């Protein structure tokens, strides 16, 4: 894993914060509205994917990040995993 600090504008920072908040709220919604014993990721995705995309405006990558079978009291908008396919870096910019 690589961690780095990015220099971004205030507008981009707000977009990232808004996305992270939507992700946390979506995770809470999934956590509260799916059967506790549902452990199959494919079954969970079939159950909640379209609703999460529609109601929270998340990318498909973020919509499938909530792992099944794990319960917690609340999700915080502090981090989200992203697949390597969605990052793009332009070194010449």
PDB file of N, CA and C in Angstrom:
ATOM      1  N   UNK A   1       0.841  -1.163   0.000  1.00  0.00           N
ATOM      2  CA  UNK A   1       0.000   0.000   0.000  1.00  0.00           C
ATOM      3  C   UNK A   1       0.889   1.230   0.000  1.00  0.00           C
ATOM      4  N   UNK A   2       0.427   2.237  -0.713  1.00  0.00           N
ATOM      5  CA  UNK A   2       1.132   3.504  -0.768  1.00  0.00           C
ATOM      6  C   UNK A   2       0.222   4.567  -0.183  1.00  0.00           C
ATOM      7  N   UNK A   3       0.752   5.368   0.711  1.00  0.00           N
ATOM      8  CA  UNK A   3       0.006   6.490   1.278  1.00  0.00           C
ATOM      9  C   UNK A   3       0.750   7.766   0.958  1.00  0.00           C
ATOM     10  N   UNK A   4       0.030   8.763   0.513  1.00  0.00           N
ATOM     11  CA  UNK A   4       0.675  10.039   0.222  1.00  0.00           C
ATOM     12  C   UNK A   4      -0.327  11.166   0.447  1.00  0.00           C
ATOM     13  N   UNK A   5       0.182  12.351   0.698  1.00  0.00           N
ATOM     14  CA  UNK A   5      -0.648  13.531   0.853  1.00  0.00           C
ATOM     15  C   UNK A   5      -0.812  14.172  -0.513  1.00  0.00           C
ATOM     16  N   UNK A   6      -2.043  14.529  -0.832  1.00  0.00           N
ATOM     17  CA  UNK A   6      -2.319  15.162  -2.108  1.00  0.00           C
ATOM     18  C   UNK A   6      -2.600  16.638  -1.914  1.00  0.00           C
ATOM     19  N   UNK A   7      -2.116  17.450  -2.824  1.00  0.00           N
ATOM     20  CA  UNK A   7      -2.466  18.862  -2.825  1.00  0.00           C
ATOM     21  C   UNK A   7      -3.708  19.002  -3.695  1.00  0.00           C
ATOM     22  N   UNK A   8      -4.802  19.393  -3.068  1.00  0.00           N
ATOM     23  CA  UNK A   8      -6.055  19.524  -3.814  1.00  0.00           C
ATOM     24  C   UNK A   8      -6.730  20.838  -3.453  1.00  0.00           C
ATOM     25  N   UNK A   9      -7.594  21.286  -4.334  1.00  0.00           N
ATOM     26  CA  UNK A   9      -8.320  22.527  -4.082  1.00  0.00           C
ATOM     27  C   UNK A   9      -9.401  22.288  -3.030  1.00  0.00           C
ATOM     28  N   UNK A  10      -9.908  23.372  -2.484  1.00  0.00           N
ATOM     29  CA  UNK A  10     -10.992  23.264  -1.507  1.00  0.00           C
ATOM     30  C   UNK A  10     -12.230  22.616  -2.112  1.00  0.00           C
ATOM     31  N   UNK A  11     -12.501  22.872  -3.374  1.00  0.00           N
ATOM     32  CA  UNK A  11     -13.656  22.280  -4.041  1.00  0.00           C
ATOM     33  C   UNK A  11     -13.535  20.768  -4.145  1.00  0.00           C
ATOM     34  N   UNK A  12     -12.353  20.291  -4.512  1.00  0.00           N
ATOM     35  CA  UNK A  12     -12.124  18.844  -4.608  1.00  0.00           C
ATOM     36  C   UNK A  12     -12.172  18.222  -3.214  1.00  0.00           C
ATOM     37  N   UNK A  13     -11.617  18.908  -2.224  1.00  0.00           N
ATOM     38  CA  UNK A  13     -11.655  18.396  -0.849  1.00  0.00           C
ATOM     39  C   UNK A  13     -13.097  18.233  -0.380  1.00  0.00           C
ATOM     40  N   UNK A  14     -13.961  19.189  -0.732  1.00  0.00           N
ATOM     41  CA  UNK A  14     -15.377  19.082  -0.354  1.00  0.00           C
ATOM     42  C   UNK A  14     -16.034  17.911  -1.063  1.00  0.00           C
ATOM     43  N   UNK A  15     -15.733  17.700  -2.335  1.00  0.00           N
ATOM     44  CA  UNK A  15     -16.291  16.560  -3.072  1.00  0.00           C
ATOM     45  C   UNK A  15     -15.862  15.233  -2.426  1.00  0.00           C
ATOM     46  N   UNK A  16     -14.607  15.143  -2.024  1.00  0.00           N
ATOM     47  CA  UNK A  16     -14.111  13.929  -1.370  1.00  0.00           C
ATOM     48  C   UNK A  16     -14.819  13.736  -0.027  1.00  0.00           C
ATOM     49  N   UNK A  17     -14.926  14.806   0.754  1.00  0.00           N
ATOM     50  CA  UNK A  17     -15.622  14.716   2.042  1.00  0.00           C
ATOM     51  C   UNK A  17     -17.074  14.288   1.858  1.00  0.00           C
ATOM     52  N   UNK A  18     -17.746  14.855   0.861  1.00  0.00           N
ATOM     53  CA  UNK A  18     -19.143  14.504   0.593  1.00  0.00           C
ATOM     54  C   UNK A  18     -19.274  13.033   0.199  1.00  0.00           C
ATOM     55  N   UNK A  19     -18.337  12.553  -0.616  1.00  0.00           N
ATOM     56  CA  UNK A  19     -18.354  11.153  -1.031  1.00  0.00           C
ATOM     57  C   UNK A  19     -18.112  10.230   0.155  1.00  0.00           C
ATOM     58  N   UNK A  20     -17.162  10.583   1.007  1.00  0.00           N
ATOM     59  CA  UNK A  20     -16.866   9.764   2.176  1.00  0.00           C
ATOM     60  C   UNK A  20     -18.058   9.721   3.130  1.00  0.00           C
ATOM     61  N   UNK A  21     -18.757  10.848   3.284  1.00  0.00           N
ATOM     62  CA  UNK A  21     -19.946  10.874   4.130  1.00  0.00           C
ATOM     63  C   UNK A  21     -21.049  10.003   3.530  1.00  0.00           C
ATOM     64  N   UNK A  22     -21.265  10.110   2.213  1.00  0.00           N
ATOM     65  CA  UNK A  22     -22.274   9.273   1.554  1.00  0.00           C
ATOM     66  C   UNK A  22     -21.933   7.797   1.706  1.00  0.00           C
ATOM     67  N   UNK A  23     -20.645   7.453   1.606  1.00  0.00           N
ATOM     68  CA  UNK A  23     -20.211   6.070   1.774  1.00  0.00           C
ATOM     69  C   UNK A  23     -20.509   5.579   3.192  1.00  0.00           C
ATOM     70  N   UNK A  24     -20.206   6.396   4.197  1.00  0.00           N
ATOM     71  CA  UNK A  24     -20.459   6.003   5.587  1.00  0.00           C
ATOM     72  C   UNK A  24     -21.952   5.825   5.841  1.00  0.00           C
ATOM     73  N   UNK A  25     -22.771   6.730   5.328  1.00  0.00           N
ATOM     74  CA  UNK A  25     -24.219   6.635   5.514  1.00  0.00           C
ATOM     75  C   UNK A  25     -24.761   5.402   4.792  1.00  0.00           C
ATOM     76  N   UNK A  26     -24.251   5.129   3.594  1.00  0.00           N
ATOM     77  CA  UNK A  26     -24.672   3.932   2.851  1.00  0.00           C
ATOM     78  C   UNK A  26     -24.292   2.666   3.619  1.00  0.00           C
ATOM     79  N   UNK A  27     -23.093   2.626   4.179  1.00  0.00           N
ATOM     80  CA  UNK A  27     -22.663   1.462   4.964  1.00  0.00           C
ATOM     81  C   UNK A  27     -23.552   1.269   6.183  1.00  0.00           C
ATOM     82  N   UNK A  28     -23.896   2.368   6.849  1.00  0.00           N
ATOM     83  CA  UNK A  28     -24.811   2.266   7.990  1.00  0.00           C
ATOM     84  C   UNK A  28     -26.162   1.717   7.548  1.00  0.00           C
ATOM     85  N   UNK A  29     -26.662   2.210   6.431  1.00  0.00           N
ATOM     86  CA  UNK A  29     -27.956   1.758   5.911  1.00  0.00           C
ATOM     87  C   UNK A  29     -27.917   0.264   5.594  1.00  0.00           C
ATOM     88  N   UNK A  30     -26.863  -0.177   4.938  1.00  0.00           N
ATOM     89  CA  UNK A  30     -26.710  -1.600   4.610  1.00  0.00           C
ATOM     90  C   UNK A  30     -26.629  -2.418   5.893  1.00  0.00           C
ATOM     91  N   UNK A  31     -25.831  -1.932   6.834  1.00  0.00           N
ATOM     92  CA  UNK A  31     -25.627  -2.637   8.098  1.00  0.00           C
ATOM     93  C   UNK A  31     -26.941  -2.807   8.869  1.00  0.00           C
ATOM     94  N   UNK A  32     -27.795  -1.801   8.805  1.00  0.00           N
ATOM     95  CA  UNK A  32     -29.048  -1.820   9.547  1.00  0.00           C
ATOM     96  C   UNK A  32     -30.172  -2.558   8.824  1.00  0.00           C
ATOM     97  N   UNK A  33     -30.054  -2.724   7.514  1.00  0.00           N
ATOM     98  CA  UNK A  33     -31.179  -3.244   6.734  1.00  0.00           C
ATOM     99  C   UNK A  33     -30.919  -4.558   6.018  1.00  0.00           C
ATOM    100  N   UNK A  34     -29.866  -5.242   6.376  1.00  0.00           N
ATOM    101  CA  UNK A  34     -29.622  -6.565   5.799  1.00  0.00           C
ATOM    102  C   UNK A  34     -29.592  -7.591   6.922  1.00  0.00           C
ATOM    103  N   UNK A  35     -29.989  -8.804   6.618  1.00  0.00           N
ATOM    104  CA  UNK A  35     -29.978  -9.846   7.646  1.00  0.00           C
ATOM    105  C   UNK A  35     -28.571 -10.069   8.199  1.00  0.00           C
ATOM    106  N   UNK A  36     -28.470 -10.176   9.512  1.00  0.00           N
ATOM    107  CA  UNK A  36     -27.179 -10.362  10.177  1.00  0.00           C
ATOM    108  C   UNK A  36     -26.490 -11.626   9.684  1.00  0.00           C
ATOM    109  N   UNK A  37     -27.262 -12.653   9.387  1.00  0.00           N
ATOM    110  CA  UNK A  37     -26.681 -13.933   8.980  1.00  0.00           C
ATOM    111  C   UNK A  37     -26.337 -13.996   7.491  1.00  0.00           C
ATOM    112  N   UNK A  38     -26.574 -12.913   6.766  1.00  0.00           N
ATOM    113  CA  UNK A  38     -26.228 -12.899   5.347  1.00  0.00           C
ATOM    114  C   UNK A  38     -24.717 -12.751   5.219  1.00  0.00           C
ATOM    115  N   UNK A  39     -24.032 -13.814   4.836  1.00  0.00           N
ATOM    116  CA  UNK A  39     -22.573 -13.818   4.760  1.00  0.00           C
ATOM    117  C   UNK A  39     -22.058 -13.889   3.330  1.00  0.00           C
ATOM    118  N   UNK A  40     -22.911 -14.159   2.395  1.00  0.00           N
ATOM    119  CA  UNK A  40     -22.511 -14.318   1.008  1.00  0.00           C
ATOM    120  C   UNK A  40     -22.451 -12.950   0.332  1.00  0.00           C
ATOM    121  N   UNK A  41     -21.260 -12.567  -0.100  1.00  0.00           N
ATOM    122  CA  UNK A  41     -21.073 -11.233  -0.701  1.00  0.00           C
ATOM    123  C   UNK A  41     -21.882 -11.056  -1.975  1.00  0.00           C
ATOM    124  N   UNK A  42     -21.996 -12.114  -2.765  1.00  0.00           N
ATOM    125  CA  UNK A  42     -22.759 -12.025  -4.012  1.00  0.00           C
ATOM    126  C   UNK A  42     -24.240 -11.808  -3.711  1.00  0.00           C
ATOM    127  N   UNK A  43     -24.756 -12.516  -2.730  1.00  0.00           N
ATOM    128  CA  UNK A  43     -26.159 -12.349  -2.345  1.00  0.00           C
ATOM    129  C   UNK A  43     -26.403 -10.946  -1.789  1.00  0.00           C
ATOM    130  N   UNK A  44     -25.458 -10.437  -0.986  1.00  0.00           N
ATOM    131  CA  UNK A  44     -25.616  -9.092  -0.449  1.00  0.00           C
ATOM    132  C   UNK A  44     -25.589  -8.061  -1.572  1.00  0.00           C
ATOM    133  N   UNK A  45     -24.676  -8.230  -2.509  1.00  0.00           N
ATOM    134  CA  UNK A  45     -24.594  -7.286  -3.615  1.00  0.00           C
ATOM    135  C   UNK A  45     -25.900  -7.277  -4.399  1.00  0.00           C
ATOM    136  N   UNK A  46     -26.466  -8.450  -4.651  1.00  0.00           N
ATOM    137  CA  UNK A  46     -27.733  -8.528  -5.382  1.00  0.00           C
ATOM    138  C   UNK A  46     -28.847  -7.835  -4.606  1.00  0.00           C
ATOM    139  N   UNK A  47     -28.786  -7.896  -3.298  1.00  0.00           N
ATOM    140  CA  UNK A  47     -29.828  -7.327  -2.451  1.00  0.00           C
ATOM    141  C   UNK A  47     -29.758  -5.796  -2.367  1.00  0.00           C
ATOM    142  N   UNK A  48     -28.563  -5.222  -2.305  1.00  0.00           N
ATOM    143  CA  UNK A  48     -28.458  -3.791  -1.990  1.00  0.00           C
ATOM    144  C   UNK A  48     -27.769  -2.922  -3.049  1.00  0.00           C
ATOM    145  N   UNK A  49     -27.109  -3.506  -4.012  1.00  0.00           N
ATOM    146  CA  UNK A  49     -26.265  -2.737  -4.937  1.00  0.00           C
ATOM    147  C   UNK A  49     -27.012  -1.594  -5.617  1.00  0.00           C
ATOM    148  N   UNK A  50     -28.111  -1.900  -6.298  1.00  0.00           N
ATOM    149  CA  UNK A  50     -28.805  -0.872  -7.076  1.00  0.00           C
ATOM    150  C   UNK A  50     -29.373   0.221  -6.172  1.00  0.00           C
ATOM    151  N   UNK A  51     -29.891  -0.167  -5.019  1.00  0.00           N
ATOM    152  CA  UNK A  51     -30.431   0.812  -4.070  1.00  0.00           C
ATOM    153  C   UNK A  51     -29.340   1.757  -3.578  1.00  0.00           C
ATOM    154  N   UNK A  52     -28.167   1.213  -3.281  1.00  0.00           N
ATOM    155  CA  UNK A  52     -27.054   2.036  -2.805  1.00  0.00           C
ATOM    156  C   UNK A  52     -26.590   2.987  -3.904  1.00  0.00           C
ATOM    157  N   UNK A  53     -26.483   2.494  -5.126  1.00  0.00           N
ATOM    158  CA  UNK A  53     -26.080   3.371  -6.239  1.00  0.00           C
ATOM    159  C   UNK A  53     -27.087   4.496  -6.434  1.00  0.00           C
ATOM    160  N   UNK A  54     -28.375   4.151  -6.401  1.00  0.00           N
ATOM    161  CA  UNK A  54     -29.431   5.132  -6.660  1.00  0.00           C
ATOM    162  C   UNK A  54     -29.578   6.125  -5.509  1.00  0.00           C
ATOM    163  N   UNK A  55     -29.670   5.624  -4.284  1.00  0.00           N
ATOM    164  CA  UNK A  55     -29.971   6.485  -3.135  1.00  0.00           C
ATOM    165  C   UNK A  55     -28.792   7.313  -2.655  1.00  0.00           C
ATOM    166  N   UNK A  56     -27.569   6.836  -2.872  1.00  0.00           N
ATOM    167  CA  UNK A  56     -26.413   7.532  -2.310  1.00  0.00           C
ATOM    168  C   UNK A  56     -25.472   8.087  -3.371  1.00  0.00           C
ATOM    169  N   UNK A  57     -25.734   7.802  -4.644  1.00  0.00           N
ATOM    170  CA  UNK A  57     -24.928   8.362  -5.726  1.00  0.00           C
ATOM    171  C   UNK A  57     -23.481   7.905  -5.723  1.00  0.00           C
ATOM    172  N   UNK A  58     -23.221   6.703  -5.224  1.00  0.00           N
ATOM    173  CA  UNK A  58     -21.845   6.211  -5.147  1.00  0.00           C
ATOM    174  C   UNK A  58     -21.420   5.535  -6.447  1.00  0.00           C
ATOM    175  N   UNK A  59     -20.127   5.543  -6.696  1.00  0.00           N
ATOM    176  CA  UNK A  59     -19.584   4.805  -7.833  1.00  0.00           C
ATOM    177  C   UNK A  59     -19.812   3.320  -7.602  1.00  0.00           C
ATOM    178  N   UNK A  60     -19.739   2.546  -8.663  1.00  0.00           N
ATOM    179  CA  UNK A  60     -19.951   1.103  -8.505  1.00  0.00           C
ATOM    180  C   UNK A  60     -18.902   0.505  -7.577  1.00  0.00           C
ATOM    181  N   UNK A  61     -17.670   1.010  -7.630  1.00  0.00           N
ATOM    182  CA  UNK A  61     -16.613   0.500  -6.769  1.00  0.00           C
ATOM    183  C   UNK A  61     -16.954   0.690  -5.293  1.00  0.00           C
ATOM    184  N   UNK A  62     -17.423   1.875  -4.938  1.00  0.00           N
ATOM    185  CA  UNK A  62     -17.767   2.125  -3.538  1.00  0.00           C
ATOM    186  C   UNK A  62     -19.040   1.396  -3.130  1.00  0.00           C
ATOM    187  N   UNK A  63     -19.956   1.206  -4.070  1.00  0.00           N
ATOM    188  CA  UNK A  63     -21.227   0.552  -3.745  1.00  0.00           C
ATOM    189  C   UNK A  63     -21.039  -0.896  -3.317  1.00  0.00           C
ATOM    190  N   UNK A  64     -19.952  -1.528  -3.728  1.00  0.00           N
ATOM    191  CA  UNK A  64     -19.751  -2.938  -3.370  1.00  0.00           C
ATOM    192  C   UNK A  64     -18.704  -3.130  -2.276  1.00  0.00           C
ATOM    193  N   UNK A  65     -18.250  -2.051  -1.652  1.00  0.00           N
ATOM    194  CA  UNK A  65     -17.181  -2.159  -0.658  1.00  0.00           C
ATOM    195  C   UNK A  65     -17.625  -2.656   0.705  1.00  0.00           C
ATOM    196  N   UNK A  66     -18.871  -2.474   1.081  1.00  0.00           N
ATOM    197  CA  UNK A  66     -19.321  -2.940   2.396  1.00  0.00           C
ATOM    198  C   UNK A  66     -19.221  -4.451   2.447  1.00  0.00           C
ATOM    199  N   UNK A  67     -18.400  -4.959   3.333  1.00  0.00           N
ATOM    200  CA  UNK A  67     -18.231  -6.403   3.440  1.00  0.00           C
ATOM    201  C   UNK A  67     -19.355  -7.004   4.253  1.00  0.00           C
ATOM    202  N   UNK A  68     -19.846  -8.134   3.789  1.00  0.00           N
ATOM    203  CA  UNK A  68     -20.933  -8.800   4.499  1.00  0.00           C
ATOM    204  C   UNK A  68     -20.420  -9.504   5.744  1.00  0.00           C
ATOM    205  N   UNK A  69     -21.336  -9.743   6.674  1.00  0.00           N
ATOM    206  CA  UNK A  69     -21.008 -10.527   7.847  1.00  0.00           C
ATOM    207  C   UNK A  69     -20.292  -9.782   8.948  1.00  0.00           C
ATOM    208  N   UNK A  70     -20.005  -8.516   8.755  1.00  0.00           N
ATOM    209  CA  UNK A  70     -19.332  -7.750   9.788  1.00  0.00           C
ATOM    210  C   UNK A  70     -20.278  -6.670  10.276  1.00  0.00           C
ATOM    211  N   UNK A  71     -20.440  -6.597  11.558  1.00  0.00           N
ATOM    212  CA  UNK A  71     -21.357  -5.627  12.141  1.00  0.00           C
ATOM    213  C   UNK A  71     -20.574  -4.654  12.998  1.00  0.00           C
ATOM    214  N   UNK A  72     -20.990  -3.416  12.977  1.00  0.00           N
ATOM    215  CA  UNK A  72     -20.395  -2.422  13.851  1.00  0.00           C
ATOM    216  C   UNK A  72     -21.464  -1.380  14.151  1.00  0.00           C
ATOM    217  N   UNK A  73     -21.310  -0.613  15.229  1.00  0.00           N
ATOM    218  CA  UNK A  73     -22.350   0.337  15.599  1.00  0.00           C
ATOM    219  C   UNK A  73     -22.567   1.441  14.570  1.00  0.00           C
ATOM    220  N   UNK A  74     -21.496   1.944  13.975  1.00  0.00           N
ATOM    221  CA  UNK A  74     -21.627   3.020  12.991  1.00  0.00           C
ATOM    222  C   UNK A  74     -20.341   3.122  12.174  1.00  0.00           C
ATOM    223  N   UNK A  75     -20.503   3.514  10.925  1.00  0.00           N
ATOM    224  CA  UNK A  75     -19.354   3.749  10.055  1.00  0.00           C
ATOM    225  C   UNK A  75     -19.030   5.230  10.084  1.00  0.00           C
ATOM    226  N   UNK A  76     -17.764   5.556  10.085  1.00  0.00           N
ATOM    227  CA  UNK A  76     -17.327   6.943  10.089  1.00  0.00           C
ATOM    228  C   UNK A  76     -16.793   7.306   8.708  1.00  0.00           C
ATOM    229  N   UNK A  77     -16.978   8.554   8.296  1.00  0.00           N
ATOM    230  CA  UNK A  77     -16.504   8.970   6.971  1.00  0.00           C
ATOM    231  C   UNK A  77     -15.018   9.274   6.961  1.00  0.00           C
ATOM    232  N   UNK A  78     -14.205   8.304   7.391  1.00  0.00           N
ATOM    233  CA  UNK A  78     -12.771   8.556   7.504  1.00  0.00           C
ATOM    234  C   UNK A  78     -11.933   7.802   6.484  1.00  0.00           C
ATOM    235  N   UNK A  79     -12.468   6.713   5.913  1.00  0.00           N
ATOM    236  CA  UNK A  79     -11.689   5.995   4.914  1.00  0.00           C
ATOM    237  C   UNK A  79     -12.589   5.080   4.097  1.00  0.00           C
ATOM    238  N   UNK A  80     -12.111   4.751   2.920  1.00  0.00           N
ATOM    239  CA  UNK A  80     -12.788   3.783   2.058  1.00  0.00           C
ATOM    240  C   UNK A  80     -11.719   3.160   1.187  1.00  0.00           C
ATOM    241  N   UNK A  81     -11.901   1.881   0.901  1.00  0.00           N
ATOM    242  CA  UNK A  81     -10.940   1.211   0.029  1.00  0.00           C
ATOM    243  C   UNK A  81     -11.338   1.469  -1.420  1.00  0.00           C
ATOM    244  N   UNK A  82     -10.347   1.626  -2.254  1.00  0.00           N
ATOM    245  CA  UNK A  82     -10.577   1.767  -3.684  1.00  0.00           C
ATOM    246  C   UNK A  82      -9.726   0.752  -4.407  1.00  0.00           C
ATOM    247  N   UNK A  83     -10.287   0.161  -5.450  1.00  0.00           N
ATOM    248  CA  UNK A  83      -9.504  -0.737  -6.289  1.00  0.00           C
ATOM    249  C   UNK A  83      -8.499   0.056  -7.089  1.00  0.00           C
ATOM    250  N   UNK A  84      -7.418  -0.573  -7.450  1.00  0.00           N
ATOM    251  CA  UNK A  84      -6.358   0.102  -8.194  1.00  0.00           C
ATOM    252  C   UNK A  84      -6.796   0.627  -9.544  1.00  0.00           C
ATOM    253  N   UNK A  85      -7.889   0.100 -10.076  1.00  0.00           N
ATOM    254  CA  UNK A  85      -8.340   0.509 -11.396  1.00  0.00           C
ATOM    255  C   UNK A  85      -8.973   1.877 -11.456  1.00  0.00           C
ATOM    256  N   UNK A  86      -9.261   2.507 -10.314  1.00  0.00           N
ATOM    257  CA  UNK A  86      -9.947   3.791 -10.396  1.00  0.00           C
ATOM    258  C   UNK A  86      -9.037   4.987 -10.129  1.00  0.00           C
ATOM    259  N   UNK A  87      -7.795   4.748  -9.797  1.00  0.00           N
ATOM    260  CA  UNK A  87      -6.877   5.850  -9.602  1.00  0.00           C
ATOM    261  C   UNK A  87      -6.148   6.148 -10.903  1.00  0.00           C
ATOM    262  N   UNK A  88      -5.985   7.425 -11.178  1.00  0.00           N
ATOM    263  CA  UNK A  88      -5.196   7.829 -12.329  1.00  0.00           C
ATOM    264  C   UNK A  88      -4.255   8.937 -11.874  1.00  0.00           C
ATOM    265  N   UNK A  89      -3.020   8.829 -12.234  1.00  0.00           N
ATOM    266  CA  UNK A  89      -2.053   9.841 -11.891  1.00  0.00           C
ATOM    267  C   UNK A  89      -1.402  10.345 -13.171  1.00  0.00           C
ATOM    268  N   UNK A  90      -1.320  11.656 -13.282  1.00  0.00           N
ATOM    269  CA  UNK A  90      -0.702  12.267 -14.430  1.00  0.00           C
ATOM    270  C   UNK A  90       0.538  12.985 -13.936  1.00  0.00           C
ATOM    271  N   UNK A  91       1.676  12.374 -14.124  1.00  0.00           N
ATOM    272  CA  UNK A  91       2.922  12.917 -13.578  1.00  0.00           C
ATOM    273  C   UNK A  91       3.354  14.210 -14.255  1.00  0.00           C
ATOM    274  N   UNK A  92       2.905  14.446 -15.472  1.00  0.00           N
ATOM    275  CA  UNK A  92       3.323  15.638 -16.188  1.00  0.00           C
ATOM    276  C   UNK A  92       2.535  16.877 -15.802  1.00  0.00           C
ATOM    277  N   UNK A  93       1.460  16.733 -15.059  1.00  0.00           N
ATOM    278  CA  UNK A  93       0.624  17.891 -14.695  1.00  0.00           C
ATOM    279  C   UNK A  93       1.210  18.630 -13.523  1.00  0.00           C
TER     280      UNK A  93
END
